[in-house]
């Protein structure tokens, strides 16, 4: 018997990568696969999304934002 994989795979438009060292620390933000800049806090992510016409109603929804290396509250190196 062959197992069928789910046809649904989440590909959110916004990806926020892990915290990078800096003063202050920052996270790289990608929209539609393109690096668009750095975010130093959650507000920066929302502003970047808005600049690309994306309204984020639920930043915890993995279909909206993919958080790598932490969630929306992670802005310091671990």
PDB file of N, CA and C in Angstrom:
ATOM      1  N   UNK A   1       0.829  -1.165   0.000  1.00  0.00           N
ATOM      2  CA  UNK A   1       0.000   0.000   0.000  1.00  0.00           C
ATOM      3  C   UNK A   1       0.889   1.249   0.000  1.00  0.00           C
ATOM      4  N   UNK A   2       0.548   2.190  -0.796  1.00  0.00           N
ATOM      5  CA  UNK A   2       1.321   3.422  -0.917  1.00  0.00           C
ATOM      6  C   UNK A   2       0.666   4.534  -0.110  1.00  0.00           C
ATOM      7  N   UNK A   3       1.495   5.217   0.681  1.00  0.00           N
ATOM      8  CA  UNK A   3       0.977   6.351   1.439  1.00  0.00           C
ATOM      9  C   UNK A   3       1.000   7.588   0.566  1.00  0.00           C
ATOM     10  N   UNK A   4      -0.040   8.371   0.668  1.00  0.00           N
ATOM     11  CA  UNK A   4      -0.142   9.597  -0.100  1.00  0.00           C
ATOM     12  C   UNK A   4       0.165  10.770   0.828  1.00  0.00           C
ATOM     13  N   UNK A   5       1.113  11.573   0.413  1.00  0.00           N
ATOM     14  CA  UNK A   5       1.463  12.752   1.213  1.00  0.00           C
ATOM     15  C   UNK A   5       0.357  13.787   1.090  1.00  0.00           C
ATOM     16  N   UNK A   6       0.253  14.594   2.099  1.00  0.00           N
ATOM     17  CA  UNK A   6      -0.733  15.657   2.091  1.00  0.00           C
ATOM     18  C   UNK A   6      -0.463  16.615   0.928  1.00  0.00           C
ATOM     19  N   UNK A   7      -1.479  16.983   0.188  1.00  0.00           N
ATOM     20  CA  UNK A   7      -1.272  17.904  -0.930  1.00  0.00           C
ATOM     21  C   UNK A   7      -1.067  19.345  -0.465  1.00  0.00           C
ATOM     22  N   UNK A   8      -1.280  19.609   0.829  1.00  0.00           N
ATOM     23  CA  UNK A   8      -1.156  20.962   1.356  1.00  0.00           C
ATOM     24  C   UNK A   8       0.175  21.150   2.061  1.00  0.00           C
ATOM     25  N   UNK A   9       0.973  22.073   1.555  1.00  0.00           N
ATOM     26  CA  UNK A   9       2.229  22.439   2.200  1.00  0.00           C
ATOM     27  C   UNK A   9       2.220  23.961   2.352  1.00  0.00           C
ATOM     28  N   UNK A  10       2.434  24.404   3.569  1.00  0.00           N
ATOM     29  CA  UNK A  10       2.397  25.828   3.853  1.00  0.00           C
ATOM     30  C   UNK A  10       3.610  26.540   3.252  1.00  0.00           C
ATOM     31  N   UNK A  11       3.361  27.619   2.532  1.00  0.00           N
ATOM     32  CA  UNK A  11       4.420  28.475   1.989  1.00  0.00           C
ATOM     33  C   UNK A  11       4.061  29.922   2.299  1.00  0.00           C
ATOM     34  N   UNK A  12       4.306  30.340   3.543  1.00  0.00           N
ATOM     35  CA  UNK A  12       3.962  31.721   3.895  1.00  0.00           C
ATOM     36  C   UNK A  12       4.796  32.714   3.094  1.00  0.00           C
ATOM     37  N   UNK A  13       4.238  33.878   2.850  1.00  0.00           N
ATOM     38  CA  UNK A  13       4.945  34.909   2.090  1.00  0.00           C
ATOM     39  C   UNK A  13       6.078  35.528   2.895  1.00  0.00           C
ATOM     40  N   UNK A  14       5.954  35.505   4.236  1.00  0.00           N
ATOM     41  CA  UNK A  14       6.937  36.159   5.104  1.00  0.00           C
ATOM     42  C   UNK A  14       7.734  35.099   5.866  1.00  0.00           C
ATOM     43  N   UNK A  15       9.057  35.217   5.820  1.00  0.00           N
ATOM     44  CA  UNK A  15       9.940  34.369   6.621  1.00  0.00           C
ATOM     45  C   UNK A  15      10.853  35.279   7.417  1.00  0.00           C
ATOM     46  N   UNK A  16      10.933  35.015   8.722  1.00  0.00           N
ATOM     47  CA  UNK A  16      11.820  35.773   9.602  1.00  0.00           C
ATOM     48  C   UNK A  16      12.871  34.797  10.110  1.00  0.00           C
ATOM     49  N   UNK A  17      14.122  35.044   9.724  1.00  0.00           N
ATOM     50  CA  UNK A  17      15.208  34.124  10.063  1.00  0.00           C
ATOM     51  C   UNK A  17      15.707  34.347  11.487  1.00  0.00           C
ATOM     52  N   UNK A  18      16.598  33.464  11.928  1.00  0.00           N
ATOM     53  CA  UNK A  18      17.104  33.470  13.303  1.00  0.00           C
ATOM     54  C   UNK A  18      17.833  34.774  13.636  1.00  0.00           C
ATOM     55  N   UNK A  19      17.914  35.054  14.918  1.00  0.00           N
ATOM     56  CA  UNK A  19      18.585  36.263  15.418  1.00  0.00           C
ATOM     57  C   UNK A  19      20.059  36.235  15.037  1.00  0.00           C
ATOM     58  N   UNK A  20      20.533  37.388  14.550  1.00  0.00           N
ATOM     59  CA  UNK A  20      21.932  37.560  14.162  1.00  0.00           C
ATOM     60  C   UNK A  20      22.606  38.507  15.157  1.00  0.00           C
ATOM     61  N   UNK A  21      23.913  38.303  15.401  1.00  0.00           N
ATOM     62  CA  UNK A  21      24.598  39.193  16.334  1.00  0.00           C
ATOM     63  C   UNK A  21      24.711  40.597  15.762  1.00  0.00           C
ATOM     64  N   UNK A  22      24.565  41.551  16.593  1.00  0.00           N
ATOM     65  CA  UNK A  22      24.669  42.948  16.198  1.00  0.00           C
ATOM     66  C   UNK A  22      24.366  43.815  17.400  1.00  0.00           C
ATOM     67  N   UNK A  23      24.448  45.101  17.212  1.00  0.00           N
ATOM     68  CA  UNK A  23      24.130  46.004  18.300  1.00  0.00           C
ATOM     69  C   UNK A  23      23.111  47.020  17.791  1.00  0.00           C
ATOM     70  N   UNK A  24      21.843  46.754  17.925  1.00  0.00           N
ATOM     71  CA  UNK A  24      21.215  45.611  18.583  1.00  0.00           C
ATOM     72  C   UNK A  24      21.137  44.390  17.661  1.00  0.00           C
ATOM     73  N   UNK A  25      20.862  43.211  18.249  1.00  0.00           N
ATOM     74  CA  UNK A  25      20.677  42.010  17.426  1.00  0.00           C
ATOM     75  C   UNK A  25      19.514  42.228  16.451  1.00  0.00           C
ATOM     76  N   UNK A  26      19.529  41.510  15.348  1.00  0.00           N
ATOM     77  CA  UNK A  26      18.495  41.682  14.334  1.00  0.00           C
ATOM     78  C   UNK A  26      18.148  40.334  13.700  1.00  0.00           C
ATOM     79  N   UNK A  27      17.079  40.327  12.925  1.00  0.00           N
ATOM     80  CA  UNK A  27      16.664  39.144  12.175  1.00  0.00           C
ATOM     81  C   UNK A  27      16.450  39.555  10.725  1.00  0.00           C
ATOM     82  N   UNK A  28      16.866  38.693   9.803  1.00  0.00           N
ATOM     83  CA  UNK A  28      16.672  38.929   8.381  1.00  0.00           C
ATOM     84  C   UNK A  28      15.216  38.601   8.032  1.00  0.00           C
ATOM     85  N   UNK A  29      14.603  39.443   7.232  1.00  0.00           N
ATOM     86  CA  UNK A  29      13.218  39.235   6.806  1.00  0.00           C
ATOM     87  C   UNK A  29      13.201  38.964   5.302  1.00  0.00           C
ATOM     88  N   UNK A  30      12.498  37.902   4.925  1.00  0.00           N
ATOM     89  CA  UNK A  30      12.294  37.576   3.517  1.00  0.00           C
ATOM     90  C   UNK A  30      10.810  37.687   3.212  1.00  0.00           C
ATOM     91  N   UNK A  31      10.498  38.221   2.046  1.00  0.00           N
ATOM     92  CA  UNK A  31       9.118  38.248   1.570  1.00  0.00           C
ATOM     93  C   UNK A  31       9.124  37.671   0.164  1.00  0.00           C
ATOM     94  N   UNK A  32       8.274  36.696  -0.045  1.00  0.00           N
ATOM     95  CA  UNK A  32       8.185  35.994  -1.331  1.00  0.00           C
ATOM     96  C   UNK A  32       9.539  35.460  -1.779  1.00  0.00           C
ATOM     97  N   UNK A  33      10.362  35.028  -0.810  1.00  0.00           N
ATOM     98  CA  UNK A  33      11.654  34.425  -1.114  1.00  0.00           C
ATOM     99  C   UNK A  33      12.792  35.403  -1.313  1.00  0.00           C
ATOM    100  N   UNK A  34      12.507  36.690  -1.290  1.00  0.00           N
ATOM    101  CA  UNK A  34      13.549  37.709  -1.464  1.00  0.00           C
ATOM    102  C   UNK A  34      13.889  38.348  -0.124  1.00  0.00           C
ATOM    103  N   UNK A  35      15.185  38.528   0.144  1.00  0.00           N
ATOM    104  CA  UNK A  35      15.607  39.234   1.353  1.00  0.00           C
ATOM    105  C   UNK A  35      15.238  40.700   1.175  1.00  0.00           C
ATOM    106  N   UNK A  36      14.475  41.231   2.118  1.00  0.00           N
ATOM    107  CA  UNK A  36      14.047  42.619   1.991  1.00  0.00           C
ATOM    108  C   UNK A  36      14.677  43.522   3.049  1.00  0.00           C
ATOM    109  N   UNK A  37      15.324  42.929   4.055  1.00  0.00           N
ATOM    110  CA  UNK A  37      15.984  43.768   5.047  1.00  0.00           C
ATOM    111  C   UNK A  37      16.097  43.118   6.407  1.00  0.00           C
ATOM    112  N   UNK A  38      16.417  43.961   7.380  1.00  0.00           N
ATOM    113  CA  UNK A  38      16.603  43.531   8.760  1.00  0.00           C
ATOM    114  C   UNK A  38      15.450  44.035   9.613  1.00  0.00           C
ATOM    115  N   UNK A  39      15.124  43.248  10.631  1.00  0.00           N
ATOM    116  CA  UNK A  39      14.138  43.677  11.622  1.00  0.00           C
ATOM    117  C   UNK A  39      14.808  43.618  12.982  1.00  0.00           C
ATOM    118  N   UNK A  40      14.627  44.669  13.748  1.00  0.00           N
ATOM    119  CA  UNK A  40      15.189  44.708  15.098  1.00  0.00           C
ATOM    120  C   UNK A  40      14.129  44.436  16.151  1.00  0.00           C
ATOM    121  N   UNK A  41      12.865  44.365  15.685  1.00  0.00           N
ATOM    122  CA  UNK A  41      11.761  44.053  16.593  1.00  0.00           C
ATOM    123  C   UNK A  41      10.547  43.624  15.767  1.00  0.00           C
ATOM    124  N   UNK A  42       9.518  43.205  16.454  1.00  0.00           N
ATOM    125  CA  UNK A  42       8.310  42.705  15.805  1.00  0.00           C
ATOM    126  C   UNK A  42       7.645  43.781  14.947  1.00  0.00           C
ATOM    127  N   UNK A  43       7.675  45.018  15.408  1.00  0.00           N
ATOM    128  CA  UNK A  43       7.074  46.118  14.656  1.00  0.00           C
ATOM    129  C   UNK A  43       7.736  46.278  13.289  1.00  0.00           C
ATOM    130  N   UNK A  44       9.064  46.087  13.234  1.00  0.00           N
ATOM    131  CA  UNK A  44       9.769  46.164  11.952  1.00  0.00           C
ATOM    132  C   UNK A  44       9.245  45.126  10.962  1.00  0.00           C
ATOM    133  N   UNK A  45       8.917  43.937  11.454  1.00  0.00           N
ATOM    134  CA  UNK A  45       8.371  42.884  10.588  1.00  0.00           C
ATOM    135  C   UNK A  45       7.014  43.319  10.036  1.00  0.00           C
ATOM    136  N   UNK A  46       6.170  43.854  10.901  1.00  0.00           N
ATOM    137  CA  UNK A  46       4.847  44.304  10.460  1.00  0.00           C
ATOM    138  C   UNK A  46       4.954  45.448   9.449  1.00  0.00           C
ATOM    139  N   UNK A  47       5.883  46.360   9.669  1.00  0.00           N
ATOM    140  CA  UNK A  47       6.070  47.484   8.751  1.00  0.00           C
ATOM    141  C   UNK A  47       6.590  47.004   7.394  1.00  0.00           C
ATOM    142  N   UNK A  48       7.501  46.028   7.406  1.00  0.00           N
ATOM    143  CA  UNK A  48       8.005  45.473   6.148  1.00  0.00           C
ATOM    144  C   UNK A  48       6.886  44.790   5.376  1.00  0.00           C
ATOM    145  N   UNK A  49       6.068  44.025   6.098  1.00  0.00           N
ATOM    146  CA  UNK A  49       4.939  43.348   5.454  1.00  0.00           C
ATOM    147  C   UNK A  49       3.997  44.373   4.836  1.00  0.00           C
ATOM    148  N   UNK A  50       3.689  45.420   5.566  1.00  0.00           N
ATOM    149  CA  UNK A  50       2.781  46.453   5.068  1.00  0.00           C
ATOM    150  C   UNK A  50       3.345  47.135   3.826  1.00  0.00           C
ATOM    151  N   UNK A  51       4.651  47.327   3.784  1.00  0.00           N
ATOM    152  CA  UNK A  51       5.286  47.948   2.620  1.00  0.00           C
ATOM    153  C   UNK A  51       5.104  47.102   1.363  1.00  0.00           C
ATOM    154  N   UNK A  52       4.902  45.793   1.549  1.00  0.00           N
ATOM    155  CA  UNK A  52       4.674  44.880   0.435  1.00  0.00           C
ATOM    156  C   UNK A  52       3.195  44.547   0.269  1.00  0.00           C
ATOM    157  N   UNK A  53       2.348  45.287   0.953  1.00  0.00           N
ATOM    158  CA  UNK A  53       0.909  45.092   0.814  1.00  0.00           C
ATOM    159  C   UNK A  53       0.349  43.895   1.549  1.00  0.00           C
ATOM    160  N   UNK A  54       1.080  43.408   2.540  1.00  0.00           N
ATOM    161  CA  UNK A  54       0.640  42.245   3.309  1.00  0.00           C
ATOM    162  C   UNK A  54       0.144  42.719   4.665  1.00  0.00           C
ATOM    163  N   UNK A  55      -1.087  42.374   4.998  1.00  0.00           N
ATOM    164  CA  UNK A  55      -1.642  42.684   6.308  1.00  0.00           C
ATOM    165  C   UNK A  55      -1.547  41.421   7.155  1.00  0.00           C
ATOM    166  N   UNK A  56      -0.869  41.518   8.281  1.00  0.00           N
ATOM    167  CA  UNK A  56      -0.689  40.372   9.174  1.00  0.00           C
ATOM    168  C   UNK A  56      -1.725  40.475  10.293  1.00  0.00           C
ATOM    169  N   UNK A  57      -2.700  39.583  10.246  1.00  0.00           N
ATOM    170  CA  UNK A  57      -3.726  39.554  11.291  1.00  0.00           C
ATOM    171  C   UNK A  57      -3.325  38.635  12.442  1.00  0.00           C
ATOM    172  N   UNK A  58      -2.561  37.581  12.117  1.00  0.00           N
ATOM    173  CA  UNK A  58      -2.146  36.611  13.132  1.00  0.00           C
ATOM    174  C   UNK A  58      -0.715  36.176  12.849  1.00  0.00           C
ATOM    175  N   UNK A  59       0.237  36.772  13.545  1.00  0.00           N
ATOM    176  CA  UNK A  59       1.651  36.468  13.326  1.00  0.00           C
ATOM    177  C   UNK A  59       2.040  35.093  13.836  1.00  0.00           C
ATOM    178  N   UNK A  60       1.146  34.435  14.573  1.00  0.00           N
ATOM    179  CA  UNK A  60       1.417  33.080  15.055  1.00  0.00           C
ATOM    180  C   UNK A  60       0.919  32.012  14.078  1.00  0.00           C
ATOM    181  N   UNK A  61       0.248  32.427  13.016  1.00  0.00           N
ATOM    182  CA  UNK A  61      -0.271  31.496  12.026  1.00  0.00           C
ATOM    183  C   UNK A  61       0.858  31.112  11.068  1.00  0.00           C
ATOM    184  N   UNK A  62       1.252  29.832  11.034  1.00  0.00           N
ATOM    185  CA  UNK A  62       2.361  29.420  10.172  1.00  0.00           C
ATOM    186  C   UNK A  62       2.067  29.566   8.678  1.00  0.00           C
ATOM    187  N   UNK A  63       0.816  29.782   8.321  1.00  0.00           N
ATOM    188  CA  UNK A  63       0.477  30.052   6.923  1.00  0.00           C
ATOM    189  C   UNK A  63       0.732  31.510   6.557  1.00  0.00           C
ATOM    190  N   UNK A  64       0.966  32.344   7.560  1.00  0.00           N
ATOM    191  CA  UNK A  64       1.184  33.772   7.337  1.00  0.00           C
ATOM    192  C   UNK A  64       2.656  34.132   7.483  1.00  0.00           C
ATOM    193  N   UNK A  65       3.268  33.701   8.605  1.00  0.00           N
ATOM    194  CA  UNK A  65       4.671  34.023   8.889  1.00  0.00           C
ATOM    195  C   UNK A  65       5.391  32.758   9.329  1.00  0.00           C
ATOM    196  N   UNK A  66       6.556  32.518   8.763  1.00  0.00           N
ATOM    197  CA  UNK A  66       7.418  31.416   9.218  1.00  0.00           C
ATOM    198  C   UNK A  66       8.529  32.030  10.055  1.00  0.00           C
ATOM    199  N   UNK A  67       8.558  31.640  11.336  1.00  0.00           N
ATOM    200  CA  UNK A  67       9.576  32.125  12.263  1.00  0.00           C
ATOM    201  C   UNK A  67      10.648  31.057  12.393  1.00  0.00           C
ATOM    202  N   UNK A  68      11.904  31.382  12.069  1.00  0.00           N
ATOM    203  CA  UNK A  68      13.019  30.442  12.136  1.00  0.00           C
ATOM    204  C   UNK A  68      13.889  30.820  13.332  1.00  0.00           C
ATOM    205  N   UNK A  69      14.142  29.865  14.210  1.00  0.00           N
ATOM    206  CA  UNK A  69      15.027  30.130  15.344  1.00  0.00           C
ATOM    207  C   UNK A  69      14.385  30.925  16.461  1.00  0.00           C
ATOM    208  N   UNK A  70      13.100  30.848  16.576  1.00  0.00           N
ATOM    209  CA  UNK A  70      12.392  31.557  17.630  1.00  0.00           C
ATOM    210  C   UNK A  70      11.075  32.096  17.106  1.00  0.00           C
ATOM    211  N   UNK A  71      10.305  32.689  17.992  1.00  0.00           N
ATOM    212  CA  UNK A  71       8.999  33.209  17.591  1.00  0.00           C
ATOM    213  C   UNK A  71       9.043  34.736  17.529  1.00  0.00           C
ATOM    214  N   UNK A  72       7.872  35.351  17.483  1.00  0.00           N
ATOM    215  CA  UNK A  72       7.797  36.807  17.342  1.00  0.00           C
ATOM    216  C   UNK A  72       8.346  37.562  18.551  1.00  0.00           C
ATOM    217  N   UNK A  73       8.580  36.859  19.654  1.00  0.00           N
ATOM    218  CA  UNK A  73       9.111  37.498  20.852  1.00  0.00           C
ATOM    219  C   UNK A  73      10.621  37.284  21.015  1.00  0.00           C
ATOM    220  N   UNK A  74      11.253  36.577  20.077  1.00  0.00           N
ATOM    221  CA  UNK A  74      12.671  36.253  20.171  1.00  0.00           C
ATOM    222  C   UNK A  74      13.488  37.283  19.387  1.00  0.00           C
ATOM    223  N   UNK A  75      14.186  38.143  20.123  1.00  0.00           N
ATOM    224  CA  UNK A  75      14.988  39.196  19.484  1.00  0.00           C
ATOM    225  C   UNK A  75      16.381  39.307  20.085  1.00  0.00           C
ATOM    226  N   UNK A  76      16.780  38.331  20.882  1.00  0.00           N
ATOM    227  CA  UNK A  76      18.122  38.287  21.457  1.00  0.00           C
ATOM    228  C   UNK A  76      18.746  36.950  21.155  1.00  0.00           C
ATOM    229  N   UNK A  77      20.074  36.930  21.061  1.00  0.00           N
ATOM    230  CA  UNK A  77      20.782  35.664  20.856  1.00  0.00           C
ATOM    231  C   UNK A  77      20.577  34.779  22.070  1.00  0.00           C
ATOM    232  N   UNK A  78      20.479  33.520  21.842  1.00  0.00           N
ATOM    233  CA  UNK A  78      20.313  32.574  22.952  1.00  0.00           C
ATOM    234  C   UNK A  78      21.613  32.019  23.404  1.00  0.00           C
TER     235      UNK A  78
END
